[in-house]
Amino acid sequence: MKQVLIQITLLLTTVQLFIACNASNQNKNVEKDSYSSLASHIPTHVLTKAEQDALTPDQVLQEFKEGNERFNAGNTTRREHSEAIRKAATGGQFPKAMVLSCLDSRVPVEDVFDQGIGDVFVGRVAGNFVNTDLVGSMEFACKVAGAKLIIVMGHQHCGAVKGAIDDVQLGNITAMLSNIKPAVAMSQSFAGEKTSKNEAFVKLVAQNNVRNALDQIRKRSPMLKEMEAKGEIKMVGAFYTLRTGKLEFTN
């Protein structure tokens, strides 16, 4: 009798293990099917030349504003980047805009505007100032590659702006910061404490630095200035707040 009970127990254990394994496999298949279904709905589209040509500068600016709203709301677009990379590699590039941003690692440009691969040219330098290389890059982006919008984007707590305010003397950084000094001079009418410890003053200098960059683009590039005058492109400034992820746009 004892041996019979042992055999029955072993049989029941085997049956339970079989049921558990079968259920686990079914769950894995459901998860796999669900993932496959989700992946099939993730956008992989890369902008075409015809679509780029159909866009106006105002449409692109509005799209970037709405993208920042999605970024703030946590509703950014899901994208299948690996597939988009393959499409972009074979179909060429037709971005909507060129963004000049600071080097700061806390400002993820494509994410801030909820844009994907192939949607935006990005130029980065500490303090988002303008030089010949960047202006040339903008000319390529707009005149050659067809981008419709240039955004110069400064940001809150910019270390380069603070360095320019403090007149930092350190290696090549000193020469680099000289590009931001005009914005410091533009901000001298500020009524409060004009130091890097005053967040309001730092913000004003950062905003004036954006304005100065836009002025420099128009002065250094008759090509871009003419395109802007004809309505072929638009040039705007933006200020990014690190605490909120929100952008303030200026013309």
C-alpha atoms as a PDB file:
ATOM      1  CA  MET A   1       0.000   0.000   0.000  1.00  0.00           C
ATOM      2  CA  LYS A   2       2.791   2.383   0.902  1.00  0.00           C
ATOM      3  CA  GLN A   3       4.454   1.818  -2.478  1.00  0.00           C
ATOM      4  CA  VAL A   4       1.167   2.523  -4.285  1.00  0.00           C
ATOM      5  CA  LEU A   5       0.786   5.843  -2.425  1.00  0.00           C
ATOM      6  CA  ILE A   6       4.323   6.854  -3.383  1.00  0.00           C
ATOM      7  CA  GLN A   7       3.613   6.083  -7.055  1.00  0.00           C
ATOM      8  CA  ILE A   8       0.351   8.112  -6.932  1.00  0.00           C
ATOM      9  CA  THR A   9       2.190  11.032  -5.330  1.00  0.00           C
ATOM     10  CA  LEU A  10       4.897  10.943  -7.994  1.00  0.00           C
ATOM     11  CA  LEU A  11       2.249  10.816 -10.733  1.00  0.00           C
ATOM     12  CA  LEU A  12       0.388  13.823  -9.296  1.00  0.00           C
ATOM     13  CA  THR A  13       3.638  15.775  -9.021  1.00  0.00           C
ATOM     14  CA  THR A  14       4.471  15.006 -12.660  1.00  0.00           C
ATOM     15  CA  VAL A  15       1.021  16.145 -13.781  1.00  0.00           C
ATOM     16  CA  GLN A  16       1.330  19.391 -11.802  1.00  0.00           C
ATOM     17  CA  LEU A  17       4.746  20.120 -13.296  1.00  0.00           C
ATOM     18  CA  PHE A  18       3.414  19.477 -16.806  1.00  0.00           C
ATOM     19  CA  ILE A  19       0.470  21.849 -16.261  1.00  0.00           C
ATOM     20  CA  ALA A  20       2.764  24.546 -14.841  1.00  0.00           C
ATOM     21  CA  CYS A  21       5.215  24.283 -17.756  1.00  0.00           C
ATOM     22  CA  ASN A  22       2.393  24.361 -20.296  1.00  0.00           C
ATOM     23  CA  ALA A  23       0.897  27.475 -18.667  1.00  0.00           C
ATOM     24  CA  SER A  24       4.311  29.163 -18.643  1.00  0.00           C
ATOM     25  CA  ASN A  25       4.807  28.461 -22.342  1.00  0.00           C
ATOM     26  CA  GLN A  26       1.341  29.829 -23.118  1.00  0.00           C
ATOM     27  CA  ASN A  27       2.135  33.029 -21.189  1.00  0.00           C
ATOM     28  CA  LYS A  28       5.403  33.418 -23.091  1.00  0.00           C
ATOM     29  CA  ASN A  29       3.583  32.976 -26.384  1.00  0.00           C
ATOM     30  CA  VAL A  30       0.998  35.593 -25.358  1.00  0.00           C
ATOM     31  CA  GLU A  31       3.756  38.006 -24.332  1.00  0.00           C
ATOM     32  CA  LYS A  32       5.592  37.359 -27.616  1.00  0.00           C
ATOM     33  CA  ASP A  33       2.403  37.889 -29.646  1.00  0.00           C
ATOM     34  CA  SER A  34       1.633  41.068 -27.689  1.00  0.00           C
ATOM     35  CA  TYR A  35       5.151  42.419 -28.249  1.00  0.00           C
ATOM     36  CA  SER A  36       4.979  41.575 -31.952  1.00  0.00           C
ATOM     37  CA  SER A  37       1.625  43.318 -32.220  1.00  0.00           C
ATOM     38  CA  LEU A  38       2.954  46.389 -30.400  1.00  0.00           C
ATOM     39  CA  ALA A  39       6.139  46.509 -32.461  1.00  0.00           C
ATOM     40  CA  SER A  40       4.114  46.434 -35.673  1.00  0.00           C
ATOM     41  CA  HIS A  41       2.403  49.680 -34.591  1.00  0.00           C
ATOM     42  CA  ILE A  42       5.589  51.565 -33.637  1.00  0.00           C
ATOM     43  CA  PRO A  43       6.326  54.222 -36.277  1.00  0.00           C
ATOM     44  CA  THR A  44       9.365  53.547 -38.469  1.00  0.00           C
ATOM     45  CA  HIS A  45       8.645  56.248 -41.047  1.00  0.00           C
ATOM     46  CA  VAL A  46      11.491  58.492 -42.203  1.00  0.00           C
ATOM     47  CA  LEU A  47      10.655  61.809 -43.874  1.00  0.00           C
ATOM     48  CA  THR A  48      10.819  61.794 -47.688  1.00  0.00           C
ATOM     49  CA  LYS A  49      11.819  64.661 -49.965  1.00  0.00           C
ATOM     50  CA  ALA A  50       8.244  65.096 -51.175  1.00  0.00           C
ATOM     51  CA  GLU A  51       7.019  65.364 -47.575  1.00  0.00           C
ATOM     52  CA  GLN A  52       9.815  67.799 -46.708  1.00  0.00           C
ATOM     53  CA  ASP A  53       9.029  69.956 -49.751  1.00  0.00           C
ATOM     54  CA  ALA A  54       5.368  70.133 -48.729  1.00  0.00           C
ATOM     55  CA  LEU A  55       6.183  71.518 -45.275  1.00  0.00           C
ATOM     56  CA  THR A  56       6.208  75.237 -44.501  1.00  0.00           C
ATOM     57  CA  PRO A  57       8.461  76.836 -41.861  1.00  0.00           C
ATOM     58  CA  ASP A  58       5.414  77.679 -39.747  1.00  0.00           C
ATOM     59  CA  GLN A  59       4.174  74.087 -39.903  1.00  0.00           C
ATOM     60  CA  VAL A  60       7.541  72.767 -38.752  1.00  0.00           C
ATOM     61  CA  LEU A  61       7.699  75.263 -35.889  1.00  0.00           C
ATOM     62  CA  GLN A  62       4.191  74.287 -34.775  1.00  0.00           C
ATOM     63  CA  GLU A  63       5.107  70.603 -34.970  1.00  0.00           C
ATOM     64  CA  PHE A  64       8.181  71.183 -32.807  1.00  0.00           C
ATOM     65  CA  LYS A  65       6.113  73.122 -30.263  1.00  0.00           C
ATOM     66  CA  GLU A  66       3.580  70.302 -30.114  1.00  0.00           C
ATOM     67  CA  GLY A  67       6.439  67.821 -29.788  1.00  0.00           C
ATOM     68  CA  ASN A  68       7.707  69.662 -26.728  1.00  0.00           C
ATOM     69  CA  GLU A  69       4.200  69.545 -25.257  1.00  0.00           C
ATOM     70  CA  ARG A  70       4.159  65.764 -25.732  1.00  0.00           C
ATOM     71  CA  PHE A  71       7.610  65.558 -24.136  1.00  0.00           C
ATOM     72  CA  ASN A  72       6.338  67.450 -21.107  1.00  0.00           C
ATOM     73  CA  ALA A  73       3.212  65.332 -20.849  1.00  0.00           C
ATOM     74  CA  GLY A  74       5.177  62.082 -21.070  1.00  0.00           C
ATOM     75  CA  ASN A  75       3.429  61.165 -24.327  1.00  0.00           C
ATOM     76  CA  THR A  76       6.450  61.018 -26.615  1.00  0.00           C
ATOM     77  CA  THR A  77       6.117  58.973 -29.788  1.00  0.00           C
ATOM     78  CA  ARG A  78       7.223  55.337 -29.637  1.00  0.00           C
ATOM     79  CA  ARG A  79       9.715  54.649 -32.419  1.00  0.00           C
ATOM     80  CA  GLU A  80      11.444  51.585 -33.834  1.00  0.00           C
ATOM     81  CA  HIS A  81      14.887  53.151 -34.205  1.00  0.00           C
ATOM     82  CA  SER A  82      16.687  50.175 -35.749  1.00  0.00           C
ATOM     83  CA  GLU A  83      14.246  50.032 -38.661  1.00  0.00           C
ATOM     84  CA  ALA A  84      14.285  53.822 -39.057  1.00  0.00           C
ATOM     85  CA  ILE A  85      18.077  53.751 -39.229  1.00  0.00           C
ATOM     86  CA  ARG A  86      17.956  51.231 -42.071  1.00  0.00           C
ATOM     87  CA  LYS A  87      15.400  53.311 -43.970  1.00  0.00           C
ATOM     88  CA  ALA A  88      17.355  56.536 -43.469  1.00  0.00           C
ATOM     89  CA  ALA A  89      20.559  54.886 -44.673  1.00  0.00           C
ATOM     90  CA  THR A  90      19.034  53.876 -47.988  1.00  0.00           C
ATOM     91  CA  GLY A  91      16.614  56.721 -48.661  1.00  0.00           C
ATOM     92  CA  GLY A  92      18.735  59.797 -47.935  1.00  0.00           C
ATOM     93  CA  GLN A  93      18.025  62.518 -45.383  1.00  0.00           C
ATOM     94  CA  PHE A  94      15.381  65.240 -45.558  1.00  0.00           C
ATOM     95  CA  PRO A  95      15.185  66.817 -42.074  1.00  0.00           C
ATOM     96  CA  LYS A  96      12.620  69.415 -41.103  1.00  0.00           C
ATOM     97  CA  ALA A  97      14.869  71.661 -39.048  1.00  0.00           C
ATOM     98  CA  MET A  98      18.324  72.582 -37.789  1.00  0.00           C
ATOM     99  CA  VAL A  99      18.775  73.075 -34.044  1.00  0.00           C
ATOM    100  CA  LEU A 100      21.806  74.813 -32.536  1.00  0.00           C
ATOM    101  CA  SER A 101      22.004  73.667 -28.937  1.00  0.00           C
ATOM    102  CA  CYS A 102      24.379  73.893 -26.025  1.00  0.00           C
ATOM    103  CA  LEU A 103      26.713  70.985 -25.309  1.00  0.00           C
ATOM    104  CA  ASP A 104      24.882  70.322 -22.008  1.00  0.00           C
ATOM    105  CA  SER A 105      24.065  66.624 -21.536  1.00  0.00           C
ATOM    106  CA  ARG A 106      20.792  67.495 -19.812  1.00  0.00           C
ATOM    107  CA  VAL A 107      19.315  68.857 -23.041  1.00  0.00           C
ATOM    108  CA  PRO A 108      18.479  65.871 -25.309  1.00  0.00           C
ATOM    109  CA  VAL A 109      17.529  67.735 -28.470  1.00  0.00           C
ATOM    110  CA  GLU A 110      15.516  65.114 -30.389  1.00  0.00           C
ATOM    111  CA  ASP A 111      13.678  64.099 -27.221  1.00  0.00           C
ATOM    112  CA  VAL A 112      12.860  67.690 -26.236  1.00  0.00           C
ATOM    113  CA  PHE A 113      11.030  68.146 -29.547  1.00  0.00           C
ATOM    114  CA  ASP A 114       9.822  64.519 -29.805  1.00  0.00           C
ATOM    115  CA  GLN A 115      11.528  64.004 -33.147  1.00  0.00           C
ATOM    116  CA  GLY A 116      12.925  60.825 -34.653  1.00  0.00           C
ATOM    117  CA  ILE A 117      15.846  59.710 -36.775  1.00  0.00           C
ATOM    118  CA  GLY A 118      16.192  61.823 -39.904  1.00  0.00           C
ATOM    119  CA  ASP A 119      13.977  64.650 -38.593  1.00  0.00           C
ATOM    120  CA  VAL A 120      16.493  67.211 -37.363  1.00  0.00           C
ATOM    121  CA  PHE A 121      20.056  68.420 -37.909  1.00  0.00           C
ATOM    122  CA  VAL A 122      21.731  69.146 -34.560  1.00  0.00           C
ATOM    123  CA  GLY A 123      24.727  71.408 -33.987  1.00  0.00           C
ATOM    124  CA  ARG A 124      26.138  71.534 -30.451  1.00  0.00           C
ATOM    125  CA  VAL A 125      28.695  73.741 -28.771  1.00  0.00           C
ATOM    126  CA  ALA A 126      29.022  74.925 -25.179  1.00  0.00           C
ATOM    127  CA  GLY A 127      26.982  78.120 -24.944  1.00  0.00           C
ATOM    128  CA  ASN A 128      25.181  77.607 -28.300  1.00  0.00           C
ATOM    129  CA  PHE A 129      27.078  80.468 -29.935  1.00  0.00           C
ATOM    130  CA  VAL A 130      27.626  80.929 -33.659  1.00  0.00           C
ATOM    131  CA  ASN A 131      30.879  80.554 -35.591  1.00  0.00           C
ATOM    132  CA  THR A 132      31.826  79.978 -39.224  1.00  0.00           C
ATOM    133  CA  ASP A 133      31.587  76.206 -38.968  1.00  0.00           C
ATOM    134  CA  LEU A 134      28.102  76.293 -37.490  1.00  0.00           C
ATOM    135  CA  VAL A 135      26.829  78.900 -39.936  1.00  0.00           C
ATOM    136  CA  GLY A 136      28.197  76.777 -42.781  1.00  0.00           C
ATOM    137  CA  SER A 137      26.420  73.768 -41.305  1.00  0.00           C
ATOM    138  CA  MET A 138      23.176  75.754 -41.219  1.00  0.00           C
ATOM    139  CA  GLU A 139      23.618  76.777 -44.829  1.00  0.00           C
ATOM    140  CA  PHE A 140      24.067  73.124 -45.752  1.00  0.00           C
ATOM    141  CA  ALA A 141      21.032  72.115 -43.676  1.00  0.00           C
ATOM    142  CA  CYS A 142      18.726  74.680 -45.271  1.00  0.00           C
ATOM    143  CA  LYS A 143      20.041  75.514 -48.741  1.00  0.00           C
ATOM    144  CA  VAL A 144      21.337  72.082 -49.698  1.00  0.00           C
ATOM    145  CA  ALA A 145      19.311  69.616 -47.607  1.00  0.00           C
ATOM    146  CA  GLY A 146      16.028  71.542 -47.495  1.00  0.00           C
ATOM    147  CA  ALA A 147      15.423  72.126 -43.762  1.00  0.00           C
ATOM    148  CA  LYS A 148      12.716  74.746 -43.158  1.00  0.00           C
ATOM    149  CA  LEU A 149      13.528  75.941 -39.639  1.00  0.00           C
ATOM    150  CA  ILE A 150      16.537  77.043 -37.597  1.00  0.00           C
ATOM    151  CA  ILE A 151      16.196  77.012 -33.800  1.00  0.00           C
ATOM    152  CA  VAL A 152      18.876  78.437 -31.527  1.00  0.00           C
ATOM    153  CA  MET A 153      18.228  76.910 -28.113  1.00  0.00           C
ATOM    154  CA  GLY A 154      19.703  78.152 -24.837  1.00  0.00           C
ATOM    155  CA  HIS A 155      18.903  76.656 -21.466  1.00  0.00           C
ATOM    156  CA  GLN A 156      18.608  77.186 -17.734  1.00  0.00           C
ATOM    157  CA  HIS A 157      21.749  76.934 -15.554  1.00  0.00           C
ATOM    158  CA  CYS A 158      24.072  77.068 -18.577  1.00  0.00           C
ATOM    159  CA  GLY A 159      27.649  76.542 -17.374  1.00  0.00           C
ATOM    160  CA  ALA A 160      29.129  78.354 -20.366  1.00  0.00           C
ATOM    161  CA  VAL A 161      26.966  81.410 -19.709  1.00  0.00           C
ATOM    162  CA  LYS A 162      27.992  81.369 -16.049  1.00  0.00           C
ATOM    163  CA  GLY A 163      31.627  81.066 -17.094  1.00  0.00           C
ATOM    164  CA  ALA A 164      31.301  84.099 -19.360  1.00  0.00           C
ATOM    165  CA  ILE A 165      29.678  86.095 -16.558  1.00  0.00           C
ATOM    166  CA  ASP A 166      32.493  85.113 -14.174  1.00  0.00           C
ATOM    167  CA  ASP A 167      35.196  85.796 -16.792  1.00  0.00           C
ATOM    168  CA  VAL A 168      36.670  82.316 -16.324  1.00  0.00           C
ATOM    169  CA  GLN A 169      40.328  81.955 -17.338  1.00  0.00           C
ATOM    170  CA  LEU A 170      41.064  78.315 -18.142  1.00  0.00           C
ATOM    171  CA  GLY A 171      42.835  76.942 -21.209  1.00  0.00           C
ATOM    172  CA  ASN A 172      40.871  77.110 -24.456  1.00  0.00           C
ATOM    173  CA  ILE A 173      37.686  77.650 -22.476  1.00  0.00           C
ATOM    174  CA  THR A 174      38.644  81.328 -22.086  1.00  0.00           C
ATOM    175  CA  ALA A 175      38.672  81.916 -25.845  1.00  0.00           C
ATOM    176  CA  MET A 176      35.469  79.940 -26.271  1.00  0.00           C
ATOM    177  CA  LEU A 177      33.654  82.026 -23.657  1.00  0.00           C
ATOM    178  CA  SER A 178      34.577  85.228 -25.492  1.00  0.00           C
ATOM    179  CA  ASN A 179      31.812  84.312 -27.941  1.00  0.00           C
ATOM    180  CA  ILE A 180      29.270  84.712 -25.125  1.00  0.00           C
ATOM    181  CA  LYS A 181      30.655  87.978 -23.721  1.00  0.00           C
ATOM    182  CA  PRO A 182      28.467  90.115 -26.050  1.00  0.00           C
ATOM    183  CA  ALA A 183      25.387  88.673 -24.323  1.00  0.00           C
ATOM    184  CA  VAL A 184      26.819  89.638 -20.938  1.00  0.00           C
ATOM    185  CA  ALA A 185      27.319  93.194 -22.230  1.00  0.00           C
ATOM    186  CA  MET A 186      23.743  93.223 -23.578  1.00  0.00           C
ATOM    187  CA  SER A 187      22.457  92.395 -20.093  1.00  0.00           C
ATOM    188  CA  GLN A 188      24.091  95.153 -18.063  1.00  0.00           C
ATOM    189  CA  SER A 189      20.825  97.068 -17.620  1.00  0.00           C
ATOM    190  CA  PHE A 190      19.610  94.243 -15.351  1.00  0.00           C
ATOM    191  CA  ALA A 191      18.433  95.769 -12.056  1.00  0.00           C
ATOM    192  CA  GLY A 192      19.517  92.991  -9.701  1.00  0.00           C
ATOM    193  CA  GLU A 193      22.803  91.337  -8.794  1.00  0.00           C
ATOM    194  CA  LYS A 194      24.751  90.691 -11.995  1.00  0.00           C
ATOM    195  CA  THR A 195      26.577  87.503 -10.977  1.00  0.00           C
ATOM    196  CA  SER A 196      26.430  83.826 -11.921  1.00  0.00           C
ATOM    197  CA  LYS A 197      24.781  83.126  -8.563  1.00  0.00           C
ATOM    198  CA  ASN A 198      21.702  85.094  -9.557  1.00  0.00           C
ATOM    199  CA  GLU A 199      19.497  82.720 -11.566  1.00  0.00           C
ATOM    200  CA  ALA A 200      17.422  85.562 -13.017  1.00  0.00           C
ATOM    201  CA  PHE A 201      20.533  87.290 -14.374  1.00  0.00           C
ATOM    202  CA  VAL A 202      21.926  84.036 -15.783  1.00  0.00           C
ATOM    203  CA  LYS A 203      18.600  83.446 -17.569  1.00  0.00           C
ATOM    204  CA  LEU A 204      18.649  86.952 -19.059  1.00  0.00           C
ATOM    205  CA  VAL A 205      22.206  86.494 -20.342  1.00  0.00           C
ATOM    206  CA  ALA A 206      21.283  83.078 -21.784  1.00  0.00           C
ATOM    207  CA  GLN A 207      18.298  84.591 -23.586  1.00  0.00           C
ATOM    208  CA  ASN A 208      20.367  87.497 -24.896  1.00  0.00           C
ATOM    209  CA  ASN A 209      22.962  84.972 -26.026  1.00  0.00           C
ATOM    210  CA  VAL A 210      20.270  83.317 -28.143  1.00  0.00           C
ATOM    211  CA  ARG A 211      19.244  86.690 -29.573  1.00  0.00           C
ATOM    212  CA  ASN A 212      22.865  87.527 -30.363  1.00  0.00           C
ATOM    213  CA  ALA A 213      23.341  84.148 -32.081  1.00  0.00           C
ATOM    214  CA  LEU A 214      20.334  84.801 -34.321  1.00  0.00           C
ATOM    215  CA  ASP A 215      21.718  88.250 -35.186  1.00  0.00           C
ATOM    216  CA  GLN A 216      25.082  86.699 -35.993  1.00  0.00           C
ATOM    217  CA  ILE A 217      23.514  84.117 -38.294  1.00  0.00           C
ATOM    218  CA  ARG A 218      21.818  86.867 -40.298  1.00  0.00           C
ATOM    219  CA  LYS A 219      25.009  88.955 -40.437  1.00  0.00           C
ATOM    220  CA  ARG A 220      27.332  86.096 -41.317  1.00  0.00           C
ATOM    221  CA  SER A 221      25.075  84.416 -43.870  1.00  0.00           C
ATOM    222  CA  PRO A 222      23.449  86.570 -46.568  1.00  0.00           C
ATOM    223  CA  MET A 223      22.206  83.259 -47.971  1.00  0.00           C
ATOM    224  CA  LEU A 224      20.162  82.371 -44.888  1.00  0.00           C
ATOM    225  CA  LYS A 225      19.011  85.956 -44.418  1.00  0.00           C
ATOM    226  CA  GLU A 226      17.679  85.984 -47.977  1.00  0.00           C
ATOM    227  CA  MET A 227      15.958  82.619 -47.509  1.00  0.00           C
ATOM    228  CA  GLU A 228      14.317  83.976 -44.370  1.00  0.00           C
ATOM    229  CA  ALA A 229      13.181  87.143 -46.173  1.00  0.00           C
ATOM    230  CA  LYS A 230      11.606  85.023 -48.924  1.00  0.00           C
ATOM    231  CA  GLY A 231       9.774  82.876 -46.376  1.00  0.00           C
ATOM    232  CA  GLU A 232      11.697  79.758 -47.368  1.00  0.00           C
ATOM    233  CA  ILE A 233      12.953  79.267 -43.809  1.00  0.00           C
ATOM    234  CA  LYS A 234      12.207  80.605 -40.352  1.00  0.00           C
ATOM    235  CA  MET A 235      14.743  81.383 -37.607  1.00  0.00           C
ATOM    236  CA  VAL A 236      13.640  81.427 -33.970  1.00  0.00           C
ATOM    237  CA  GLY A 237      15.135  81.288 -30.505  1.00  0.00           C
ATOM    238  CA  ALA A 238      14.152  79.064 -27.600  1.00  0.00           C
ATOM    239  CA  PHE A 239      14.975  78.804 -23.915  1.00  0.00           C
ATOM    240  CA  TYR A 240      14.800  75.368 -22.261  1.00  0.00           C
ATOM    241  CA  THR A 241      14.033  75.078 -18.557  1.00  0.00           C
ATOM    242  CA  LEU A 242      15.803  72.076 -17.049  1.00  0.00           C
ATOM    243  CA  ARG A 243      13.427  71.818 -14.088  1.00  0.00           C
ATOM    244  CA  THR A 244      10.312  71.452 -16.228  1.00  0.00           C
ATOM    245  CA  GLY A 245      11.465  70.431 -19.701  1.00  0.00           C
ATOM    246  CA  LYS A 246       9.457  73.294 -21.163  1.00  0.00           C
ATOM    247  CA  LEU A 247      10.525  75.675 -23.920  1.00  0.00           C
ATOM    248  CA  GLU A 248       9.939  79.389 -24.300  1.00  0.00           C
ATOM    249  CA  PHE A 249      10.058  80.417 -27.957  1.00  0.00           C
ATOM    250  CA  THR A 250      11.088  83.837 -29.272  1.00  0.00           C
ATOM    251  CA  ASN A 251      11.372  85.239 -32.780  1.00  0.00           C
END
